[in-house]
Every structure is written in C-alpha cells, then in structure tokens.
Amino acid sequence: MMIMLCSETPYRRVAWLIGIAFALSTGFSRVYLGVHYPTDVWAGWTNGTLTALLVYYFVFRGRYLSDDPAVSQISSDE
C-alpha cells in the first residue's frame, strides 16, 4: 500500500527499500526466535510476492501494459 501511495513521488525507491527490509527482517526474526520453520517463512514471502504482483497488475495494467490508446487515455485520466 505504501508503495502504491508513493508511486508518483521521488520517495518511491525509499518505500520499496523499507517494504523489502521490513518483510525480510520479519521473516528472519520468526525463524531466529523459533516461532516458524524456514519453509513457513519462504511460503509467506512467496505468497506475498505473488499477491503483490497480481494486485500491481490489476491496478496499473492500463498504465503500462496496453498499446491501445483508448485504454491508455482512460487510465491517464484517473
């Protein structure tokens, strides 16, 4: 969500780095504390990545993936 809110600002890379660092540190801490197995954490990271890519596709699909000028015009008006 933070990355989507910062998508048109110069803070986009910072938002990406903070999000990735948070996800990685949370996963490693779960394994370190013995609360989860490494495969649980890996499955969570995989699930989160695939979900984020799917949401990104549906939110930004007209903006970057379409060659049709009508679709590009509609998405740029929003």
Protein backbone atom coordinates (compact mmCIF):
# COMPACT_ATOMS: atom_id res chain seq x y z
CA MET A 1 0.00 0.00 0.00
CA MET A 2 2.81 2.38 0.88
CA ILE A 3 4.45 1.75 -2.49
CA MET A 4 1.21 2.48 -4.34
CA LEU A 5 0.78 5.73 -2.42
CA CYS A 6 4.34 6.77 -3.27
CA SER A 7 4.24 5.60 -6.90
CA GLU A 8 4.38 9.11 -8.40
CA THR A 9 6.77 10.68 -5.90
CA PRO A 10 10.55 10.75 -5.56
CA TYR A 11 10.19 8.58 -2.43
CA ARG A 12 9.23 5.51 -4.45
CA ARG A 13 12.61 3.77 -4.08
CA VAL A 14 12.71 4.51 -0.37
CA ALA A 15 9.25 2.97 0.02
CA TRP A 16 10.40 -0.15 -1.86
CA LEU A 17 13.52 -0.48 0.30
CA ILE A 18 11.60 -0.04 3.54
CA GLY A 19 8.97 -2.58 2.48
CA ILE A 20 11.52 -5.19 1.44
CA ALA A 21 13.66 -4.63 4.54
CA PHE A 22 10.60 -4.98 6.78
CA ALA A 23 9.47 -8.23 5.11
CA LEU A 24 12.95 -9.76 5.22
CA SER A 25 13.68 -8.77 8.82
CA THR A 26 10.29 -10.03 9.99
CA GLY A 27 10.83 -13.38 8.26
CA PHE A 28 14.34 -13.84 9.62
CA SER A 29 13.25 -12.89 13.14
CA ARG A 30 10.46 -15.51 13.04
CA VAL A 31 13.00 -18.22 12.20
CA TYR A 32 15.57 -16.90 14.70
CA LEU A 33 13.04 -16.88 17.53
CA GLY A 34 11.94 -20.40 16.62
CA VAL A 35 8.32 -19.49 16.02
CA HIS A 36 8.26 -20.68 12.40
CA TYR A 37 10.14 -23.11 10.22
CA PRO A 38 12.15 -21.65 7.32
CA THR A 39 9.72 -23.22 4.85
CA ASP A 40 6.83 -21.35 6.52
CA VAL A 41 8.65 -18.07 6.06
CA TRP A 42 9.59 -18.90 2.46
CA ALA A 43 5.96 -19.77 1.68
CA GLY A 44 4.82 -16.48 3.21
CA TRP A 45 7.34 -14.50 1.17
CA THR A 46 6.27 -16.33 -1.99
CA ASN A 47 2.59 -15.79 -1.26
CA GLY A 48 3.16 -12.10 -0.51
CA THR A 49 5.22 -11.57 -3.67
CA LEU A 50 2.68 -13.26 -5.92
CA THR A 51 -0.19 -11.37 -4.32
CA ALA A 52 1.65 -8.06 -4.70
CA LEU A 53 2.38 -8.78 -8.36
CA LEU A 54 -1.25 -9.68 -9.00
CA VAL A 55 -2.52 -6.50 -7.32
CA TYR A 56 0.09 -4.43 -9.17
CA TYR A 57 -1.05 -5.93 -12.47
CA PHE A 58 -4.71 -5.10 -11.87
CA VAL A 59 -4.07 -1.61 -10.52
CA PHE A 60 -1.53 -0.48 -13.12
CA ARG A 61 -2.40 -2.70 -16.11
CA GLY A 62 -3.77 0.08 -18.32
CA ARG A 63 -0.95 2.42 -17.49
CA TYR A 64 1.96 0.26 -18.66
CA LEU A 65 0.78 -2.87 -20.44
CA SER A 66 -1.69 -1.61 -23.03
CA ASP A 67 -0.82 -0.47 -26.56
CA ASP A 68 -4.41 0.61 -27.16
CA PRO A 69 -4.59 4.44 -26.99
CA ALA A 70 -8.16 4.33 -25.67
CA VAL A 71 -7.16 2.27 -22.64
CA SER A 72 -4.08 4.43 -22.04
CA GLN A 73 -6.23 7.57 -22.24
CA ILE A 74 -8.77 6.19 -19.75
CA SER A 75 -6.09 5.17 -17.25
CA SER A 76 -4.26 8.50 -17.55
CA ASP A 77 -7.47 10.43 -16.78
CA GLU A 78 -7.91 8.67 -13.43
